[in-house]
Amino acid sequence: MAHNKKELFLNIFEKKAGNISIACKAIGIGRRTYYNWIEEDQTFKEDVDNINESLIDFTENKLLQNIKAGKEASIFFFLKCKAKHRGYIERNELDISDMEQKTIIIERV
């Protein structure tokens, strides 16, 4: 019985883009059962991992389509992820030159 539920879970999991909650609810199991299956059944874990990798491949393909279409947000995202070594890094800078010095006292009660 559990084996059939696992197959059903994997089918729904793939159709619902890797959404664990939706797949669990659809077959009437709790998330803990899903995590137990992952821990106890290597084949099930590999199937889940393969579905997740396929979703990443699909999404990367969409990103590349957006880049080819000239969509700037996709271009920037790609460069920040894949071209850090060329200086495409987002940084936050804090100018503390105008900040006044404060003393913080922490009292133990």
PDB file of N, CA and C in Angstrom:
ATOM      1  N   MET A   1       0.831  -1.210   0.000  1.00  0.00           N
ATOM      2  CA  MET A   1       0.000   0.000   0.000  1.00  0.00           C
ATOM      3  C   MET A   1       0.868   1.264   0.000  1.00  0.00           C
ATOM      4  N   ALA A   2       1.903   1.282   0.861  1.00  0.00           N
ATOM      5  CA  ALA A   2       2.768   2.464   0.932  1.00  0.00           C
ATOM      6  C   ALA A   2       3.477   2.699  -0.394  1.00  0.00           C
ATOM      7  N   HIS A   3       3.865   1.604  -1.062  1.00  0.00           N
ATOM      8  CA  HIS A   3       4.556   1.741  -2.346  1.00  0.00           C
ATOM      9  C   HIS A   3       3.675   2.457  -3.361  1.00  0.00           C
ATOM     10  N   ASN A   4       2.388   2.109  -3.423  1.00  0.00           N
ATOM     11  CA  ASN A   4       1.471   2.777  -4.345  1.00  0.00           C
ATOM     12  C   ASN A   4       1.291   4.247  -3.975  1.00  0.00           C
ATOM     13  N   LYS A   5       1.264   4.542  -2.677  1.00  0.00           N
ATOM     14  CA  LYS A   5       1.142   5.937  -2.240  1.00  0.00           C
ATOM     15  C   LYS A   5       2.383   6.730  -2.630  1.00  0.00           C
ATOM     16  N   LYS A   6       3.525   6.086  -2.552  1.00  0.00           N
ATOM     17  CA  LYS A   6       4.759   6.763  -2.936  1.00  0.00           C
ATOM     18  C   LYS A   6       4.737   7.096  -4.423  1.00  0.00           C
ATOM     19  N   GLU A   7       4.297   6.164  -5.242  1.00  0.00           N
ATOM     20  CA  GLU A   7       4.213   6.415  -6.684  1.00  0.00           C
ATOM     21  C   GLU A   7       3.220   7.530  -6.980  1.00  0.00           C
ATOM     22  N   LEU A   8       2.081   7.499  -6.296  1.00  0.00           N
ATOM     23  CA  LEU A   8       1.079   8.549  -6.472  1.00  0.00           C
ATOM     24  C   LEU A   8       1.636   9.896  -6.026  1.00  0.00           C
ATOM     25  N   PHE A   9       2.338   9.901  -4.893  1.00  0.00           N
ATOM     26  CA  PHE A   9       2.959  11.131  -4.406  1.00  0.00           C
ATOM     27  C   PHE A   9       3.894  11.696  -5.471  1.00  0.00           C
ATOM     28  N   LEU A  10       4.783  10.855  -6.009  1.00  0.00           N
ATOM     29  CA  LEU A  10       5.764  11.313  -6.991  1.00  0.00           C
ATOM     30  C   LEU A  10       5.086  11.889  -8.226  1.00  0.00           C
ATOM     31  N   ASN A  11       4.006  11.273  -8.650  1.00  0.00           N
ATOM     32  CA  ASN A  11       3.263  11.755  -9.817  1.00  0.00           C
ATOM     33  C   ASN A  11       2.706  13.153  -9.558  1.00  0.00           C
ATOM     34  N   ILE A  12       2.075  13.325  -8.418  1.00  0.00           N
ATOM     35  CA  ILE A  12       1.481  14.623  -8.068  1.00  0.00           C
ATOM     36  C   ILE A  12       2.581  15.654  -7.795  1.00  0.00           C
ATOM     37  N   PHE A  13       3.620  15.241  -7.092  1.00  0.00           N
ATOM     38  CA  PHE A  13       4.751  16.106  -6.775  1.00  0.00           C
ATOM     39  C   PHE A  13       5.331  16.716  -8.047  1.00  0.00           C
ATOM     40  N   GLU A  14       5.490  15.894  -9.074  1.00  0.00           N
ATOM     41  CA  GLU A  14       6.028  16.390 -10.342  1.00  0.00           C
ATOM     42  C   GLU A  14       5.049  17.335 -11.027  1.00  0.00           C
ATOM     43  N   LYS A  15       3.765  16.970 -11.045  1.00  0.00           N
ATOM     44  CA  LYS A  15       2.750  17.810 -11.707  1.00  0.00           C
ATOM     45  C   LYS A  15       2.564  19.150 -11.003  1.00  0.00           C
ATOM     46  N   LYS A  16       2.809  19.177  -9.693  1.00  0.00           N
ATOM     47  CA  LYS A  16       2.617  20.405  -8.906  1.00  0.00           C
ATOM     48  C   LYS A  16       3.944  21.111  -8.632  1.00  0.00           C
ATOM     49  N   ALA A  17       4.913  20.903  -9.514  1.00  0.00           N
ATOM     50  CA  ALA A  17       6.193  21.622  -9.492  1.00  0.00           C
ATOM     51  C   ALA A  17       6.932  21.484  -8.169  1.00  0.00           C
ATOM     52  N   GLY A  18       6.941  20.276  -7.614  1.00  0.00           N
ATOM     53  CA  GLY A  18       7.723  20.021  -6.416  1.00  0.00           C
ATOM     54  C   GLY A  18       7.130  20.551  -5.129  1.00  0.00           C
ATOM     55  N   ASN A  19       5.824  20.807  -5.107  1.00  0.00           N
ATOM     56  CA  ASN A  19       5.187  21.319  -3.899  1.00  0.00           C
ATOM     57  C   ASN A  19       4.847  20.153  -2.975  1.00  0.00           C
ATOM     58  N   ILE A  20       5.592  20.032  -1.892  1.00  0.00           N
ATOM     59  CA  ILE A  20       5.432  18.925  -0.959  1.00  0.00           C
ATOM     60  C   ILE A  20       4.050  18.955  -0.309  1.00  0.00           C
ATOM     61  N   SER A  21       3.623  20.120   0.158  1.00  0.00           N
ATOM     62  CA  SER A  21       2.342  20.228   0.864  1.00  0.00           C
ATOM     63  C   SER A  21       1.174  19.784   0.001  1.00  0.00           C
ATOM     64  N   ILE A  22       1.146  20.231  -1.229  1.00  0.00           N
ATOM     65  CA  ILE A  22       0.045  19.862  -2.130  1.00  0.00           C
ATOM     66  C   ILE A  22       0.045  18.361  -2.390  1.00  0.00           C
ATOM     67  N   ALA A  23       1.214  17.786  -2.640  1.00  0.00           N
ATOM     68  CA  ALA A  23       1.298  16.351  -2.915  1.00  0.00           C
ATOM     69  C   ALA A  23       0.881  15.530  -1.691  1.00  0.00           C
ATOM     70  N   CYS A  24       1.324  15.938  -0.511  1.00  0.00           N
ATOM     71  CA  CYS A  24       0.945  15.236   0.717  1.00  0.00           C
ATOM     72  C   CYS A  24      -0.569  15.289   0.926  1.00  0.00           C
ATOM     73  N   LYS A  25      -1.121  16.457   0.780  1.00  0.00           N
ATOM     74  CA  LYS A  25      -2.554  16.631   0.987  1.00  0.00           C
ATOM     75  C   LYS A  25      -3.355  15.813  -0.023  1.00  0.00           C
ATOM     76  N   ALA A  26      -2.891  15.770  -1.255  1.00  0.00           N
ATOM     77  CA  ALA A  26      -3.617  15.056  -2.315  1.00  0.00           C
ATOM     78  C   ALA A  26      -3.714  13.560  -2.041  1.00  0.00           C
ATOM     79  N   ILE A  27      -2.701  12.994  -1.378  1.00  0.00           N
ATOM     80  CA  ILE A  27      -2.762  11.549  -1.123  1.00  0.00           C
ATOM     81  C   ILE A  27      -3.086  11.218   0.327  1.00  0.00           C
ATOM     82  N   GLY A  28      -3.319  12.251   1.125  1.00  0.00           N
ATOM     83  CA  GLY A  28      -3.771  12.040   2.500  1.00  0.00           C
ATOM     84  C   GLY A  28      -2.691  11.609   3.476  1.00  0.00           C
ATOM     85  N   ILE A  29      -1.504  12.191   3.337  1.00  0.00           N
ATOM     86  CA  ILE A  29      -0.445  11.915   4.307  1.00  0.00           C
ATOM     87  C   ILE A  29       0.058  13.225   4.890  1.00  0.00           C
ATOM     88  N   GLY A  30       0.721  13.137   6.027  1.00  0.00           N
ATOM     89  CA  GLY A  30       1.331  14.313   6.630  1.00  0.00           C
ATOM     90  C   GLY A  30       2.742  14.496   6.103  1.00  0.00           C
ATOM     91  N   ARG A  31       3.276  15.676   6.284  1.00  0.00           N
ATOM     92  CA  ARG A  31       4.643  15.958   5.836  1.00  0.00           C
ATOM     93  C   ARG A  31       5.650  15.039   6.528  1.00  0.00           C
ATOM     94  N   ARG A  32       5.388  14.665   7.779  1.00  0.00           N
ATOM     95  CA  ARG A  32       6.305  13.784   8.502  1.00  0.00           C
ATOM     96  C   ARG A  32       6.444  12.450   7.769  1.00  0.00           C
ATOM     97  N   THR A  33       5.340  11.941   7.224  1.00  0.00           N
ATOM     98  CA  THR A  33       5.391  10.690   6.459  1.00  0.00           C
ATOM     99  C   THR A  33       6.302  10.858   5.255  1.00  0.00           C
ATOM    100  N   TYR A  34       6.170  11.981   4.550  1.00  0.00           N
ATOM    101  CA  TYR A  34       7.040  12.264   3.404  1.00  0.00           C
ATOM    102  C   TYR A  34       8.509  12.233   3.837  1.00  0.00           C
ATOM    103  N   TYR A  35       8.841  12.925   4.926  1.00  0.00           N
ATOM    104  CA  TYR A  35      10.226  12.984   5.383  1.00  0.00           C
ATOM    105  C   TYR A  35      10.720  11.613   5.863  1.00  0.00           C
ATOM    106  N   ASN A  36       9.833  10.819   6.437  1.00  0.00           N
ATOM    107  CA  ASN A  36      10.203   9.447   6.811  1.00  0.00           C
ATOM    108  C   ASN A  36      10.547   8.641   5.563  1.00  0.00           C
ATOM    109  N   TRP A  37       9.750   8.780   4.517  1.00  0.00           N
ATOM    110  CA  TRP A  37      10.024   8.077   3.260  1.00  0.00           C
ATOM    111  C   TRP A  37      11.384   8.491   2.708  1.00  0.00           C
ATOM    112  N   ILE A  38      11.682   9.783   2.754  1.00  0.00           N
ATOM    113  CA  ILE A  38      12.972  10.291   2.264  1.00  0.00           C
ATOM    114  C   ILE A  38      14.125   9.644   3.041  1.00  0.00           C
ATOM    115  N   GLU A  39      13.968   9.547   4.359  1.00  0.00           N
ATOM    116  CA  GLU A  39      15.027   9.003   5.211  1.00  0.00           C
ATOM    117  C   GLU A  39      15.182   7.493   5.063  1.00  0.00           C
ATOM    118  N   GLU A  40      14.078   6.797   4.830  1.00  0.00           N
ATOM    119  CA  GLU A  40      14.088   5.334   4.875  1.00  0.00           C
ATOM    120  C   GLU A  40      14.173   4.656   3.512  1.00  0.00           C
ATOM    121  N   ASP A  41      13.855   5.354   2.444  1.00  0.00           N
ATOM    122  CA  ASP A  41      13.765   4.724   1.126  1.00  0.00           C
ATOM    123  C   ASP A  41      14.655   5.486   0.138  1.00  0.00           C
ATOM    124  N   GLN A  42      15.846   4.953  -0.115  1.00  0.00           N
ATOM    125  CA  GLN A  42      16.817   5.623  -0.982  1.00  0.00           C
ATOM    126  C   GLN A  42      16.281   5.820  -2.398  1.00  0.00           C
ATOM    127  N   THR A  43      15.545   4.853  -2.915  1.00  0.00           N
ATOM    128  CA  THR A  43      14.988   4.972  -4.268  1.00  0.00           C
ATOM    129  C   THR A  43      13.979   6.109  -4.337  1.00  0.00           C
ATOM    130  N   PHE A  44      13.128   6.215  -3.329  1.00  0.00           N
ATOM    131  CA  PHE A  44      12.160   7.314  -3.267  1.00  0.00           C
ATOM    132  C   PHE A  44      12.886   8.652  -3.212  1.00  0.00           C
ATOM    133  N   LYS A  45      13.921   8.739  -2.370  1.00  0.00           N
ATOM    134  CA  LYS A  45      14.700   9.977  -2.251  1.00  0.00           C
ATOM    135  C   LYS A  45      15.321  10.350  -3.600  1.00  0.00           C
ATOM    136  N   GLU A  46      15.883   9.367  -4.298  1.00  0.00           N
ATOM    137  CA  GLU A  46      16.473   9.632  -5.607  1.00  0.00           C
ATOM    138  C   GLU A  46      15.421  10.099  -6.611  1.00  0.00           C
ATOM    139  N   ASP A  47      14.225   9.515  -6.546  1.00  0.00           N
ATOM    140  CA  ASP A  47      13.139   9.949  -7.439  1.00  0.00           C
ATOM    141  C   ASP A  47      12.746  11.398  -7.159  1.00  0.00           C
ATOM    142  N   VAL A  48      12.641  11.759  -5.891  1.00  0.00           N
ATOM    143  CA  VAL A  48      12.332  13.142  -5.508  1.00  0.00           C
ATOM    144  C   VAL A  48      13.438  14.073  -5.999  1.00  0.00           C
ATOM    145  N   ASP A  49      14.699  13.673  -5.782  1.00  0.00           N
ATOM    146  CA  ASP A  49      15.831  14.491  -6.230  1.00  0.00           C
ATOM    147  C   ASP A  49      15.815  14.673  -7.750  1.00  0.00           C
ATOM    148  N   ASN A  50      15.493  13.619  -8.482  1.00  0.00           N
ATOM    149  CA  ASN A  50      15.427  13.706  -9.944  1.00  0.00           C
ATOM    150  C   ASN A  50      14.325  14.657 -10.404  1.00  0.00           C
ATOM    151  N   ILE A  51      13.189  14.626  -9.733  1.00  0.00           N
ATOM    152  CA  ILE A  51      12.099  15.550 -10.072  1.00  0.00           C
ATOM    153  C   ILE A  51      12.544  16.983  -9.806  1.00  0.00           C
ATOM    154  N   ASN A  52      13.177  17.207  -8.656  1.00  0.00           N
ATOM    155  CA  ASN A  52      13.655  18.555  -8.334  1.00  0.00           C
ATOM    156  C   ASN A  52      14.698  19.037  -9.339  1.00  0.00           C
ATOM    157  N   GLU A  53      15.602  18.170  -9.756  1.00  0.00           N
ATOM    158  CA  GLU A  53      16.605  18.544 -10.761  1.00  0.00           C
ATOM    159  C   GLU A  53      15.937  18.868 -12.098  1.00  0.00           C
ATOM    160  N   SER A  54      14.910  18.111 -12.461  1.00  0.00           N
ATOM    161  CA  SER A  54      14.177  18.395 -13.701  1.00  0.00           C
ATOM    162  C   SER A  54      13.502  19.753 -13.647  1.00  0.00           C
ATOM    163  N   LEU A  55      12.964  20.099 -12.470  1.00  0.00           N
ATOM    164  CA  LEU A  55      12.334  21.414 -12.304  1.00  0.00           C
ATOM    165  C   LEU A  55      13.361  22.529 -12.431  1.00  0.00           C
ATOM    166  N   ILE A  56      14.554  22.302 -11.916  1.00  0.00           N
ATOM    167  CA  ILE A  56      15.626  23.301 -12.052  1.00  0.00           C
ATOM    168  C   ILE A  56      16.018  23.440 -13.516  1.00  0.00           C
ATOM    169  N   ASP A  57      16.145  22.315 -14.218  1.00  0.00           N
ATOM    170  CA  ASP A  57      16.466  22.367 -15.649  1.00  0.00           C
ATOM    171  C   ASP A  57      15.406  23.158 -16.416  1.00  0.00           C
ATOM    172  N   PHE A  58      14.141  22.887 -16.123  1.00  0.00           N
ATOM    173  CA  PHE A  58      13.031  23.586 -16.778  1.00  0.00           C
ATOM    174  C   PHE A  58      13.112  25.089 -16.522  1.00  0.00           C
ATOM    175  N   THR A  59      13.367  25.451 -15.261  1.00  0.00           N
ATOM    176  CA  THR A  59      13.420  26.854 -14.875  1.00  0.00           C
ATOM    177  C   THR A  59      14.620  27.561 -15.492  1.00  0.00           C
ATOM    178  N   GLU A  60      15.762  26.876 -15.528  1.00  0.00           N
ATOM    179  CA  GLU A  60      16.940  27.462 -16.172  1.00  0.00           C
ATOM    180  C   GLU A  60      16.671  27.714 -17.651  1.00  0.00           C
ATOM    181  N   ASN A  61      15.961  26.816 -18.284  1.00  0.00           N
ATOM    182  CA  ASN A  61      15.609  26.998 -19.692  1.00  0.00           C
ATOM    183  C   ASN A  61      14.739  28.244 -19.868  1.00  0.00           C
ATOM    184  N   LYS A  62      13.784  28.433 -18.972  1.00  0.00           N
ATOM    185  CA  LYS A  62      12.925  29.632 -19.032  1.00  0.00           C
ATOM    186  C   LYS A  62      13.755  30.895 -18.815  1.00  0.00           C
ATOM    187  N   LEU A  63      14.696  30.829 -17.888  1.00  0.00           N
ATOM    188  CA  LEU A  63      15.577  31.973 -17.648  1.00  0.00           C
ATOM    189  C   LEU A  63      16.351  32.317 -18.916  1.00  0.00           C
ATOM    190  N   LEU A  64      16.905  31.312 -19.578  1.00  0.00           N
ATOM    191  CA  LEU A  64      17.660  31.556 -20.808  1.00  0.00           C
ATOM    192  C   LEU A  64      16.763  32.104 -21.918  1.00  0.00           C
ATOM    193  N   GLN A  65      15.507  31.649 -21.966  1.00  0.00           N
ATOM    194  CA  GLN A  65      14.560  32.213 -22.940  1.00  0.00           C
ATOM    195  C   GLN A  65      14.336  33.695 -22.659  1.00  0.00           C
ATOM    196  N   ASN A  66      14.198  34.040 -21.392  1.00  0.00           N
ATOM    197  CA  ASN A  66      14.012  35.448 -21.019  1.00  0.00           C
ATOM    198  C   ASN A  66      15.239  36.277 -21.384  1.00  0.00           C
ATOM    199  N   ILE A  67      16.416  35.709 -21.169  1.00  0.00           N
ATOM    200  CA  ILE A  67      17.654  36.418 -21.516  1.00  0.00           C
ATOM    201  C   ILE A  67      17.707  36.659 -23.018  1.00  0.00           C
ATOM    202  N   LYS A  68      17.381  35.640 -23.805  1.00  0.00           N
ATOM    203  CA  LYS A  68      17.376  35.789 -25.264  1.00  0.00           C
ATOM    204  C   LYS A  68      16.356  36.818 -25.723  1.00  0.00           C
ATOM    205  N   ALA A  69      15.273  36.966 -24.935  1.00  0.00           N
ATOM    206  CA  ALA A  69      14.238  37.948 -25.266  1.00  0.00           C
ATOM    207  C   ALA A  69      14.607  39.343 -24.765  1.00  0.00           C
ATOM    208  N   GLY A  70      15.775  39.478 -24.127  1.00  0.00           N
ATOM    209  CA  GLY A  70      16.240  40.788 -23.684  1.00  0.00           C
ATOM    210  C   GLY A  70      15.636  41.273 -22.386  1.00  0.00           C
ATOM    211  N   LYS A  71      15.081  40.388 -21.588  1.00  0.00           N
ATOM    212  CA  LYS A  71      14.466  40.802 -20.317  1.00  0.00           C
ATOM    213  C   LYS A  71      15.567  41.078 -19.301  1.00  0.00           C
ATOM    214  N   GLU A  72      15.696  42.366 -18.958  1.00  0.00           N
ATOM    215  CA  GLU A  72      16.816  42.824 -18.147  1.00  0.00           C
ATOM    216  C   GLU A  72      16.908  42.153 -16.784  1.00  0.00           C
ATOM    217  N   ALA A  73      15.792  41.955 -16.107  1.00  0.00           N
ATOM    218  CA  ALA A  73      15.846  41.344 -14.776  1.00  0.00           C
ATOM    219  C   ALA A  73      16.479  39.956 -14.849  1.00  0.00           C
ATOM    220  N   SER A  74      16.157  39.216 -15.872  1.00  0.00           N
ATOM    221  CA  SER A  74      16.744  37.884 -16.047  1.00  0.00           C
ATOM    222  C   SER A  74      18.240  37.978 -16.354  1.00  0.00           C
ATOM    223  N   ILE A  75      18.604  38.958 -17.153  1.00  0.00           N
ATOM    224  CA  ILE A  75      20.015  39.155 -17.486  1.00  0.00           C
ATOM    225  C   ILE A  75      20.806  39.490 -16.222  1.00  0.00           C
ATOM    226  N   PHE A  76      20.304  40.436 -15.429  1.00  0.00           N
ATOM    227  CA  PHE A  76      20.983  40.815 -14.196  1.00  0.00           C
ATOM    228  C   PHE A  76      21.093  39.632 -13.236  1.00  0.00           C
ATOM    229  N   PHE A  77      20.004  38.893 -13.093  1.00  0.00           N
ATOM    230  CA  PHE A  77      20.001  37.737 -12.199  1.00  0.00           C
ATOM    231  C   PHE A  77      21.065  36.727 -12.614  1.00  0.00           C
ATOM    232  N   PHE A  78      21.106  36.421 -13.894  1.00  0.00           N
ATOM    233  CA  PHE A  78      22.084  35.463 -14.406  1.00  0.00           C
ATOM    234  C   PHE A  78      23.509  35.928 -14.122  1.00  0.00           C
ATOM    235  N   LEU A  79      23.773  37.183 -14.410  1.00  0.00           N
ATOM    236  CA  LEU A  79      25.121  37.711 -14.193  1.00  0.00           C
ATOM    237  C   LEU A  79      25.512  37.693 -12.716  1.00  0.00           C
ATOM    238  N   LYS A  80      24.574  38.035 -11.824  1.00  0.00           N
ATOM    239  CA  LYS A  80      24.872  38.019 -10.395  1.00  0.00           C
ATOM    240  C   LYS A  80      25.140  36.605  -9.886  1.00  0.00           C
ATOM    241  N   CYS A  81      24.519  35.616 -10.514  1.00  0.00           N
ATOM    242  CA  CYS A  81      24.724  34.226 -10.087  1.00  0.00           C
ATOM    243  C   CYS A  81      25.923  33.568 -10.752  1.00  0.00           C
ATOM    244  N   LYS A  82      26.098  33.804 -12.036  1.00  0.00           N
ATOM    245  CA  LYS A  82      27.102  33.067 -12.806  1.00  0.00           C
ATOM    246  C   LYS A  82      28.360  33.859 -13.140  1.00  0.00           C
ATOM    247  N   ALA A  83      28.341  35.161 -12.921  1.00  0.00           N
ATOM    248  CA  ALA A  83      29.492  35.974 -13.332  1.00  0.00           C
ATOM    249  C   ALA A  83      30.076  36.779 -12.169  1.00  0.00           C
ATOM    250  N   LYS A  84      29.982  36.239 -10.974  1.00  0.00           N
ATOM    251  CA  LYS A  84      30.561  36.923  -9.807  1.00  0.00           C
ATOM    252  C   LYS A  84      32.050  37.146  -9.998  1.00  0.00           C
ATOM    253  N   HIS A  85      32.702  36.177 -10.606  1.00  0.00           N
ATOM    254  CA  HIS A  85      34.148  36.276 -10.810  1.00  0.00           C
ATOM    255  C   HIS A  85      34.522  37.430 -11.740  1.00  0.00           C
ATOM    256  N   ARG A  86      33.550  38.002 -12.425  1.00  0.00           N
ATOM    257  CA  ARG A  86      33.803  39.159 -13.301  1.00  0.00           C
ATOM    258  C   ARG A  86      33.326  40.464 -12.662  1.00  0.00           C
ATOM    259  N   GLY A  87      32.926  40.397 -11.413  1.00  0.00           N
ATOM    260  CA  GLY A  87      32.549  41.611 -10.706  1.00  0.00           C
ATOM    261  C   GLY A  87      31.055  41.880 -10.623  1.00  0.00           C
ATOM    262  N   TYR A  88      30.236  40.980 -11.126  1.00  0.00           N
ATOM    263  CA  TYR A  88      28.791  41.176 -11.046  1.00  0.00           C
ATOM    264  C   TYR A  88      28.300  40.686  -9.687  1.00  0.00           C
ATOM    265  N   ILE A  89      28.564  41.512  -8.685  1.00  0.00           N
ATOM    266  CA  ILE A  89      28.199  41.162  -7.320  1.00  0.00           C
ATOM    267  C   ILE A  89      27.382  42.307  -6.736  1.00  0.00           C
ATOM    268  N   GLU A  90      26.307  41.964  -6.098  1.00  0.00           N
ATOM    269  CA  GLU A  90      25.492  42.971  -5.439  1.00  0.00           C
ATOM    270  C   GLU A  90      25.994  43.118  -4.009  1.00  0.00           C
ATOM    271  N   ARG A  91      26.258  44.369  -3.620  1.00  0.00           N
ATOM    272  CA  ARG A  91      26.780  44.633  -2.283  1.00  0.00           C
ATOM    273  C   ARG A  91      25.932  45.696  -1.601  1.00  0.00           C
ATOM    274  N   ASN A  92      25.933  45.621  -0.311  1.00  0.00           N
ATOM    275  CA  ASN A  92      25.338  46.672   0.501  1.00  0.00           C
ATOM    276  C   ASN A  92      26.477  47.387   1.202  1.00  0.00           C
ATOM    277  N   GLU A  93      26.482  48.707   1.103  1.00  0.00           N
ATOM    278  CA  GLU A  93      27.526  49.483   1.757  1.00  0.00           C
ATOM    279  C   GLU A  93      26.895  50.372   2.813  1.00  0.00           C
ATOM    280  N   LEU A  94      27.586  50.514   3.908  1.00  0.00           N
ATOM    281  CA  LEU A  94      27.115  51.327   5.019  1.00  0.00           C
ATOM    282  C   LEU A  94      28.128  52.421   5.278  1.00  0.00           C
ATOM    283  N   ASP A  95      27.678  53.666   5.190  1.00  0.00           N
ATOM    284  CA  ASP A  95      28.555  54.806   5.471  1.00  0.00           C
ATOM    285  C   ASP A  95      28.359  55.181   6.933  1.00  0.00           C
ATOM    286  N   ILE A  96      29.374  54.957   7.733  1.00  0.00           N
ATOM    287  CA  ILE A  96      29.261  55.237   9.165  1.00  0.00           C
ATOM    288  C   ILE A  96      29.957  56.541   9.562  1.00  0.00           C
ATOM    289  N   SER A  97      30.383  57.303   8.586  1.00  0.00           N
ATOM    290  CA  SER A  97      31.126  58.528   8.893  1.00  0.00           C
ATOM    291  C   SER A  97      30.262  59.574   9.587  1.00  0.00           C
ATOM    292  N   ASP A  98      28.960  59.572   9.342  1.00  0.00           N
ATOM    293  CA  ASP A  98      28.081  60.566   9.959  1.00  0.00           C
ATOM    294  C   ASP A  98      27.332  60.027  11.175  1.00  0.00           C
ATOM    295  N   MET A  99      27.617  58.812  11.554  1.00  0.00           N
ATOM    296  CA  MET A  99      26.900  58.230  12.688  1.00  0.00           C
ATOM    297  C   MET A  99      27.560  58.658  13.987  1.00  0.00           C
ATOM    298  N   GLU A 100      26.741  59.016  14.966  1.00  0.00           N
ATOM    299  CA  GLU A 100      27.305  59.395  16.257  1.00  0.00           C
ATOM    300  C   GLU A 100      27.598  58.139  17.066  1.00  0.00           C
ATOM    301  N   GLN A 101      28.578  58.243  17.929  1.00  0.00           N
ATOM    302  CA  GLN A 101      28.958  57.096  18.746  1.00  0.00           C
ATOM    303  C   GLN A 101      27.954  56.927  19.869  1.00  0.00           C
ATOM    304  N   LYS A 102      27.547  55.695  20.101  1.00  0.00           N
ATOM    305  CA  LYS A 102      26.599  55.403  21.169  1.00  0.00           C
ATOM    306  C   LYS A 102      27.179  54.295  22.040  1.00  0.00           C
ATOM    307  N   THR A 103      26.891  54.392  23.317  1.00  0.00           N
ATOM    308  CA  THR A 103      27.305  53.347  24.235  1.00  0.00           C
ATOM    309  C   THR A 103      26.069  52.565  24.625  1.00  0.00           C
ATOM    310  N   ILE A 104      26.174  51.268  24.520  1.00  0.00           N
ATOM    311  CA  ILE A 104      25.053  50.421  24.874  1.00  0.00           C
ATOM    312  C   ILE A 104      25.449  49.672  26.149  1.00  0.00           C
ATOM    313  N   ILE A 105      24.607  49.767  27.145  1.00  0.00           N
ATOM    314  CA  ILE A 105      24.870  49.090  28.417  1.00  0.00           C
ATOM    315  C   ILE A 105      23.848  47.970  28.548  1.00  0.00           C
ATOM    316  N   ILE A 106      24.363  46.784  28.754  1.00  0.00           N
ATOM    317  CA  ILE A 106      23.487  45.634  28.928  1.00  0.00           C
ATOM    318  C   ILE A 106      23.600  45.205  30.376  1.00  0.00           C
ATOM    319  N   GLU A 107      22.473  45.233  31.060  1.00  0.00           N
ATOM    320  CA  GLU A 107      22.464  44.833  32.463  1.00  0.00           C
ATOM    321  C   GLU A 107      21.853  43.462  32.580  1.00  0.00           C
ATOM    322  N   ARG A 108      22.475  42.668  33.401  1.00  0.00           N
ATOM    323  CA  ARG A 108      21.975  41.334  33.623  1.00  0.00           C
ATOM    324  C   ARG A 108      21.056  41.367  34.832  1.00  0.00           C
ATOM    325  N   VAL A 109      19.868  40.844  34.660  1.00  0.00           N
ATOM    326  CA  VAL A 109      18.884  40.879  35.752  1.00  0.00           C
ATOM    327  C   VAL A 109      18.865  39.560  36.491  1.00  0.00           C
TER     328      VAL A 109
END
